Amino acid sequence: MATGALDGRVALVTGAGRLRGIGRATALALAQLGADVVVTGTGRDPGTYPEDEKKAGWRDVESTAEQIRALGRKALTWTGDVSTGCRSPTLTKPSGEKFSTSSSPAHSCSASVSSRS
């Protein structure tokens, strides 16, 4: 495995479940630099996937994790709503146990807020 600027680091990337999303691109870029990556997503219903994701057999964060592993890096997945709090022990504890530390958070999530008049 080639060495990179982020060897020995663990990145936590939110919003990494979409085939054409910035979260996936960020997760892959960090892996290419040598980081192991925890990828998170909302766990969308596959029935709501865009046609290109359906045709590709896309599986949300699991597919992103597979691409990271293909680069020779470790990857963990977590599905949940980070808008309710990213510091959740269910998110941070498993990554710490598997990777020793989570040292490079990269957030690409969004939360919608609507107001009704």
N, C-alpha and C. Protein backbone atom coordinates (compact mmCIF):
# COMPACT_ATOMS: atom_id res chain seq x y z
N MET A 1 0.85 -1.18 0.00
CA MET A 1 0.00 0.00 0.00
C MET A 1 0.89 1.24 0.00
N ALA A 2 0.57 2.17 -0.86
CA ALA A 2 1.36 3.40 -0.95
C ALA A 2 1.14 4.26 0.29
N THR A 3 2.15 5.03 0.62
CA THR A 3 2.00 5.93 1.76
C THR A 3 1.46 7.27 1.26
N GLY A 4 0.74 7.93 2.13
CA GLY A 4 0.13 9.21 1.76
C GLY A 4 0.19 10.18 2.91
N ALA A 5 -0.24 11.39 2.64
CA ALA A 5 -0.21 12.46 3.62
C ALA A 5 -1.09 12.18 4.84
N LEU A 6 -2.08 11.29 4.68
CA LEU A 6 -3.00 11.01 5.78
C LEU A 6 -2.85 9.60 6.35
N ASP A 7 -1.74 8.94 6.08
CA ASP A 7 -1.51 7.60 6.63
C ASP A 7 -1.63 7.64 8.15
N GLY A 8 -2.30 6.64 8.72
CA GLY A 8 -2.45 6.57 10.16
C GLY A 8 -3.59 7.41 10.70
N ARG A 9 -4.30 8.09 9.83
CA ARG A 9 -5.42 8.94 10.26
C ARG A 9 -6.73 8.28 9.89
N VAL A 10 -7.78 8.67 10.60
CA VAL A 10 -9.12 8.20 10.31
C VAL A 10 -9.99 9.41 10.03
N ALA A 11 -10.70 9.36 8.92
CA ALA A 11 -11.62 10.44 8.55
C ALA A 11 -13.05 9.98 8.75
N LEU A 12 -13.88 10.87 9.23
CA LEU A 12 -15.31 10.64 9.38
C LEU A 12 -16.01 11.54 8.38
N VAL A 13 -16.68 10.95 7.39
CA VAL A 13 -17.31 11.74 6.33
C VAL A 13 -18.81 11.49 6.36
N THR A 14 -19.57 12.53 6.56
CA THR A 14 -21.03 12.43 6.55
C THR A 14 -21.54 12.67 5.14
N GLY A 15 -22.73 12.19 4.89
CA GLY A 15 -23.35 12.42 3.58
C GLY A 15 -22.62 11.71 2.45
N ALA A 16 -22.12 10.50 2.71
CA ALA A 16 -21.27 9.81 1.73
C ALA A 16 -21.99 8.69 1.00
N GLY A 17 -23.31 8.67 1.02
CA GLY A 17 -24.04 7.56 0.43
C GLY A 17 -24.52 7.71 -0.99
N ARG A 18 -24.37 8.88 -1.56
CA ARG A 18 -24.88 9.09 -2.93
C ARG A 18 -23.77 8.88 -3.95
N LEU A 19 -24.13 8.26 -5.06
CA LEU A 19 -23.17 7.99 -6.12
C LEU A 19 -22.54 9.27 -6.66
N ARG A 20 -23.34 10.31 -6.84
CA ARG A 20 -22.85 11.56 -7.41
C ARG A 20 -22.67 12.66 -6.37
N GLY A 21 -22.49 12.30 -5.11
CA GLY A 21 -22.43 13.31 -4.05
C GLY A 21 -21.02 13.74 -3.68
N ILE A 22 -20.95 14.92 -3.07
CA ILE A 22 -19.66 15.45 -2.62
C ILE A 22 -19.11 14.63 -1.45
N GLY A 23 -19.99 14.02 -0.64
CA GLY A 23 -19.53 13.19 0.47
C GLY A 23 -18.75 11.99 -0.02
N ARG A 24 -19.26 11.31 -1.04
CA ARG A 24 -18.56 10.17 -1.62
C ARG A 24 -17.23 10.61 -2.21
N ALA A 25 -17.23 11.70 -2.96
CA ALA A 25 -15.99 12.20 -3.56
C ALA A 25 -14.97 12.56 -2.49
N THR A 26 -15.43 13.15 -1.40
CA THR A 26 -14.54 13.52 -0.30
C THR A 26 -13.96 12.27 0.36
N ALA A 27 -14.81 11.28 0.61
CA ALA A 27 -14.36 10.05 1.24
C ALA A 27 -13.30 9.35 0.39
N LEU A 28 -13.52 9.28 -0.91
CA LEU A 28 -12.56 8.64 -1.80
C LEU A 28 -11.25 9.43 -1.87
N ALA A 29 -11.34 10.75 -1.90
CA ALA A 29 -10.13 11.57 -1.94
C ALA A 29 -9.30 11.38 -0.67
N LEU A 30 -9.95 11.33 0.48
CA LEU A 30 -9.24 11.12 1.74
C LEU A 30 -8.59 9.74 1.77
N ALA A 31 -9.28 8.73 1.25
CA ALA A 31 -8.71 7.38 1.18
C ALA A 31 -7.50 7.36 0.25
N GLN A 32 -7.59 8.08 -0.86
CA GLN A 32 -6.45 8.14 -1.79
C GLN A 32 -5.24 8.79 -1.15
N LEU A 33 -5.47 9.65 -0.17
CA LEU A 33 -4.37 10.29 0.56
C LEU A 33 -3.88 9.44 1.74
N GLY A 34 -4.50 8.27 1.93
CA GLY A 34 -4.01 7.34 2.94
C GLY A 34 -4.88 7.17 4.16
N ALA A 35 -5.97 7.90 4.28
CA ALA A 35 -6.83 7.80 5.47
C ALA A 35 -7.72 6.57 5.40
N ASP A 36 -8.00 5.97 6.55
CA ASP A 36 -9.09 5.03 6.69
C ASP A 36 -10.33 5.89 6.92
N VAL A 37 -11.50 5.41 6.50
CA VAL A 37 -12.66 6.30 6.47
C VAL A 37 -13.90 5.64 7.06
N VAL A 38 -14.59 6.40 7.91
CA VAL A 38 -15.93 6.04 8.38
C VAL A 38 -16.88 6.85 7.52
N VAL A 39 -17.74 6.16 6.77
CA VAL A 39 -18.69 6.85 5.88
C VAL A 39 -20.09 6.74 6.47
N THR A 40 -20.81 7.84 6.45
CA THR A 40 -22.16 7.86 7.00
C THR A 40 -23.15 8.34 5.96
N GLY A 41 -24.38 7.93 6.15
CA GLY A 41 -25.47 8.37 5.30
C GLY A 41 -26.79 8.15 6.02
N THR A 42 -27.85 8.58 5.39
CA THR A 42 -29.16 8.52 6.04
C THR A 42 -29.85 7.17 5.91
N GLY A 43 -29.34 6.30 5.06
CA GLY A 43 -29.99 5.02 4.85
C GLY A 43 -31.26 5.17 4.03
N ARG A 44 -31.14 5.90 2.93
CA ARG A 44 -32.30 6.15 2.07
C ARG A 44 -32.98 4.86 1.64
N ASP A 45 -34.25 4.96 1.39
CA ASP A 45 -35.02 3.85 0.82
C ASP A 45 -34.55 3.65 -0.62
N PRO A 46 -34.10 2.44 -0.98
CA PRO A 46 -33.63 2.21 -2.34
C PRO A 46 -34.65 2.57 -3.42
N GLY A 47 -35.92 2.55 -3.09
CA GLY A 47 -36.96 2.95 -4.04
C GLY A 47 -36.88 4.41 -4.43
N THR A 48 -36.19 5.21 -3.62
CA THR A 48 -36.06 6.65 -3.91
C THR A 48 -34.76 6.99 -4.62
N TYR A 49 -33.92 6.00 -4.88
CA TYR A 49 -32.63 6.27 -5.55
C TYR A 49 -32.87 6.80 -6.96
N PRO A 50 -32.01 7.70 -7.43
CA PRO A 50 -32.08 8.14 -8.82
C PRO A 50 -31.83 6.95 -9.75
N GLU A 51 -32.27 7.05 -10.98
CA GLU A 51 -32.15 5.94 -11.94
C GLU A 51 -30.71 5.47 -12.12
N ASP A 52 -29.74 6.39 -12.15
CA ASP A 52 -28.35 5.96 -12.35
C ASP A 52 -27.86 5.10 -11.19
N GLU A 53 -28.30 5.40 -9.97
CA GLU A 53 -27.92 4.58 -8.82
C GLU A 53 -28.60 3.21 -8.88
N LYS A 54 -29.86 3.18 -9.29
CA LYS A 54 -30.56 1.91 -9.42
C LYS A 54 -29.89 1.03 -10.46
N LYS A 55 -29.55 1.60 -11.61
CA LYS A 55 -28.91 0.84 -12.69
C LYS A 55 -27.54 0.31 -12.27
N ALA A 56 -26.83 1.07 -11.45
CA ALA A 56 -25.49 0.68 -11.01
C ALA A 56 -25.54 -0.33 -9.85
N GLY A 57 -26.75 -0.60 -9.32
CA GLY A 57 -26.87 -1.49 -8.17
C GLY A 57 -26.29 -0.84 -6.91
N TRP A 58 -26.39 0.48 -6.84
CA TRP A 58 -25.82 1.26 -5.73
C TRP A 58 -26.47 0.87 -4.42
N ARG A 59 -25.67 0.80 -3.35
CA ARG A 59 -26.16 0.41 -2.03
C ARG A 59 -25.79 1.43 -0.95
N ASP A 60 -25.94 2.71 -1.28
CA ASP A 60 -25.73 3.79 -0.31
C ASP A 60 -24.30 3.74 0.26
N VAL A 61 -24.13 3.89 1.56
CA VAL A 61 -22.78 3.96 2.14
C VAL A 61 -21.99 2.67 1.97
N GLU A 62 -22.67 1.53 1.81
CA GLU A 62 -21.96 0.27 1.60
C GLU A 62 -21.18 0.30 0.29
N SER A 63 -21.75 0.90 -0.75
CA SER A 63 -21.04 1.00 -2.03
C SER A 63 -19.84 1.93 -1.93
N THR A 64 -19.99 3.04 -1.22
CA THR A 64 -18.86 3.95 -1.02
C THR A 64 -17.75 3.24 -0.24
N ALA A 65 -18.12 2.49 0.79
CA ALA A 65 -17.13 1.76 1.59
C ALA A 65 -16.39 0.74 0.73
N GLU A 66 -17.09 0.06 -0.16
CA GLU A 66 -16.44 -0.90 -1.05
C GLU A 66 -15.38 -0.21 -1.92
N GLN A 67 -15.71 0.98 -2.42
CA GLN A 67 -14.75 1.71 -3.25
C GLN A 67 -13.52 2.12 -2.45
N ILE A 68 -13.70 2.47 -1.20
CA ILE A 68 -12.58 2.82 -0.33
C ILE A 68 -11.71 1.60 -0.08
N ARG A 69 -12.34 0.47 0.21
CA ARG A 69 -11.59 -0.77 0.44
C ARG A 69 -10.82 -1.19 -0.81
N ALA A 70 -11.38 -0.92 -1.99
CA ALA A 70 -10.69 -1.24 -3.25
C ALA A 70 -9.41 -0.42 -3.40
N LEU A 71 -9.33 0.70 -2.69
CA LEU A 71 -8.11 1.52 -2.70
C LEU A 71 -7.09 1.03 -1.67
N GLY A 72 -7.44 -0.04 -0.95
CA GLY A 72 -6.53 -0.59 0.05
C GLY A 72 -6.65 0.04 1.42
N ARG A 73 -7.72 0.79 1.65
CA ARG A 73 -7.94 1.44 2.94
C ARG A 73 -9.06 0.74 3.69
N LYS A 74 -9.12 0.92 5.01
CA LYS A 74 -10.21 0.40 5.82
C LYS A 74 -11.40 1.35 5.72
N ALA A 75 -12.59 0.79 5.80
CA ALA A 75 -13.81 1.60 5.77
C ALA A 75 -14.86 0.99 6.68
N LEU A 76 -15.53 1.83 7.43
CA LEU A 76 -16.69 1.45 8.25
C LEU A 76 -17.87 2.27 7.76
N THR A 77 -19.07 1.73 7.95
CA THR A 77 -20.27 2.47 7.59
C THR A 77 -21.13 2.72 8.82
N TRP A 78 -21.88 3.78 8.76
CA TRP A 78 -22.85 4.12 9.81
C TRP A 78 -24.03 4.77 9.13
N THR A 79 -25.23 4.35 9.48
CA THR A 79 -26.44 4.91 8.91
C THR A 79 -27.24 5.58 10.01
N GLY A 80 -27.60 6.83 9.78
CA GLY A 80 -28.39 7.56 10.76
C GLY A 80 -28.53 9.02 10.37
N ASP A 81 -29.18 9.76 11.22
CA ASP A 81 -29.46 11.17 10.98
C ASP A 81 -28.49 12.01 11.80
N VAL A 82 -27.46 12.54 11.15
CA VAL A 82 -26.46 13.33 11.88
C VAL A 82 -26.99 14.68 12.32
N SER A 83 -28.13 15.10 11.78
CA SER A 83 -28.69 16.40 12.21
C SER A 83 -29.17 16.33 13.66
N THR A 84 -29.29 15.13 14.21
CA THR A 84 -29.70 14.99 15.61
C THR A 84 -28.50 14.94 16.54
N GLY A 85 -27.31 15.02 15.98
CA GLY A 85 -26.11 15.07 16.82
C GLY A 85 -25.04 14.11 16.37
N CYS A 86 -23.98 14.64 15.77
CA CYS A 86 -22.87 13.82 15.27
C CYS A 86 -22.03 13.21 16.38
N ARG A 87 -22.13 13.68 17.60
CA ARG A 87 -21.30 13.17 18.69
C ARG A 87 -21.90 11.92 19.32
N SER A 88 -22.87 11.35 18.65
CA SER A 88 -23.52 10.14 19.16
C SER A 88 -22.51 9.04 19.42
N PRO A 89 -22.57 8.39 20.60
CA PRO A 89 -21.66 7.28 20.87
C PRO A 89 -21.80 6.14 19.86
N THR A 90 -22.99 5.99 19.27
CA THR A 90 -23.15 4.92 18.28
C THR A 90 -22.36 5.21 17.02
N LEU A 91 -21.99 6.45 16.81
CA LEU A 91 -21.17 6.81 15.65
C LEU A 91 -19.69 6.84 16.00
N THR A 92 -19.34 7.52 17.08
CA THR A 92 -17.93 7.70 17.38
C THR A 92 -17.28 6.50 18.06
N LYS A 93 -18.00 5.78 18.88
CA LYS A 93 -17.40 4.65 19.60
C LYS A 93 -16.95 3.52 18.66
N PRO A 94 -17.81 3.06 17.71
CA PRO A 94 -17.34 2.00 16.83
C PRO A 94 -16.12 2.39 16.00
N SER A 95 -16.03 3.64 15.55
CA SER A 95 -14.88 4.04 14.75
C SER A 95 -13.62 4.07 15.61
N GLY A 96 -13.75 4.49 16.85
CA GLY A 96 -12.59 4.50 17.74
C GLY A 96 -12.11 3.11 18.07
N GLU A 97 -13.06 2.17 18.25
CA GLU A 97 -12.68 0.80 18.56
C GLU A 97 -12.00 0.12 17.37
N LYS A 98 -12.46 0.38 16.17
CA LYS A 98 -11.90 -0.27 14.98
C LYS A 98 -10.62 0.40 14.49
N PHE A 99 -10.53 1.72 14.63
CA PHE A 99 -9.43 2.46 14.04
C PHE A 99 -8.51 3.14 15.05
N SER A 100 -8.76 3.02 16.32
CA SER A 100 -7.99 3.66 17.40
C SER A 100 -8.38 5.11 17.64
N THR A 101 -8.67 5.86 16.60
CA THR A 101 -9.01 7.28 16.75
C THR A 101 -9.78 7.76 15.55
N SER A 102 -10.50 8.84 15.72
CA SER A 102 -11.15 9.51 14.59
C SER A 102 -10.58 10.92 14.56
N SER A 103 -9.72 11.19 13.60
CA SER A 103 -8.95 12.41 13.67
C SER A 103 -9.21 13.43 12.59
N SER A 104 -9.99 13.12 11.58
CA SER A 104 -10.19 14.04 10.48
C SER A 104 -11.65 14.09 10.06
N PRO A 105 -12.52 14.74 10.84
CA PRO A 105 -13.92 14.79 10.43
C PRO A 105 -14.10 15.64 9.18
N ALA A 106 -14.95 15.18 8.29
CA ALA A 106 -15.28 15.94 7.07
C ALA A 106 -16.77 15.83 6.88
N HIS A 107 -17.47 16.92 7.08
CA HIS A 107 -18.92 16.90 7.03
C HIS A 107 -19.42 17.45 5.70
N SER A 108 -20.29 16.68 5.05
CA SER A 108 -20.91 17.17 3.82
C SER A 108 -22.41 16.94 3.87
N CYS A 109 -22.95 16.97 5.08
CA CYS A 109 -24.38 16.71 5.25
C CYS A 109 -25.16 18.01 5.22
N SER A 110 -26.45 17.87 5.06
CA SER A 110 -27.33 19.03 5.15
C SER A 110 -28.60 18.63 5.87
N ALA A 111 -29.26 19.58 6.43
CA ALA A 111 -30.54 19.34 7.08
C ALA A 111 -31.50 20.40 6.61
N SER A 112 -32.70 19.99 6.29
CA SER A 112 -33.70 20.94 5.80
C SER A 112 -34.47 21.50 6.98
N VAL A 113 -34.73 22.79 6.90
CA VAL A 113 -35.55 23.47 7.89
C VAL A 113 -36.59 24.25 7.12
N SER A 114 -37.84 24.00 7.42
CA SER A 114 -38.88 24.73 6.73
C SER A 114 -39.72 25.50 7.73
N SER A 115 -40.21 26.62 7.29
CA SER A 115 -41.09 27.40 8.16
C SER A 115 -42.43 27.50 7.46
N ARG A 116 -43.46 27.46 8.24
CA ARG A 116 -44.81 27.55 7.67
C ARG A 116 -45.46 28.82 8.18
N SER A 117 -46.02 29.52 7.27
CA SER A 117 -46.69 30.79 7.63
C SER A 117 -48.11 30.56 8.03
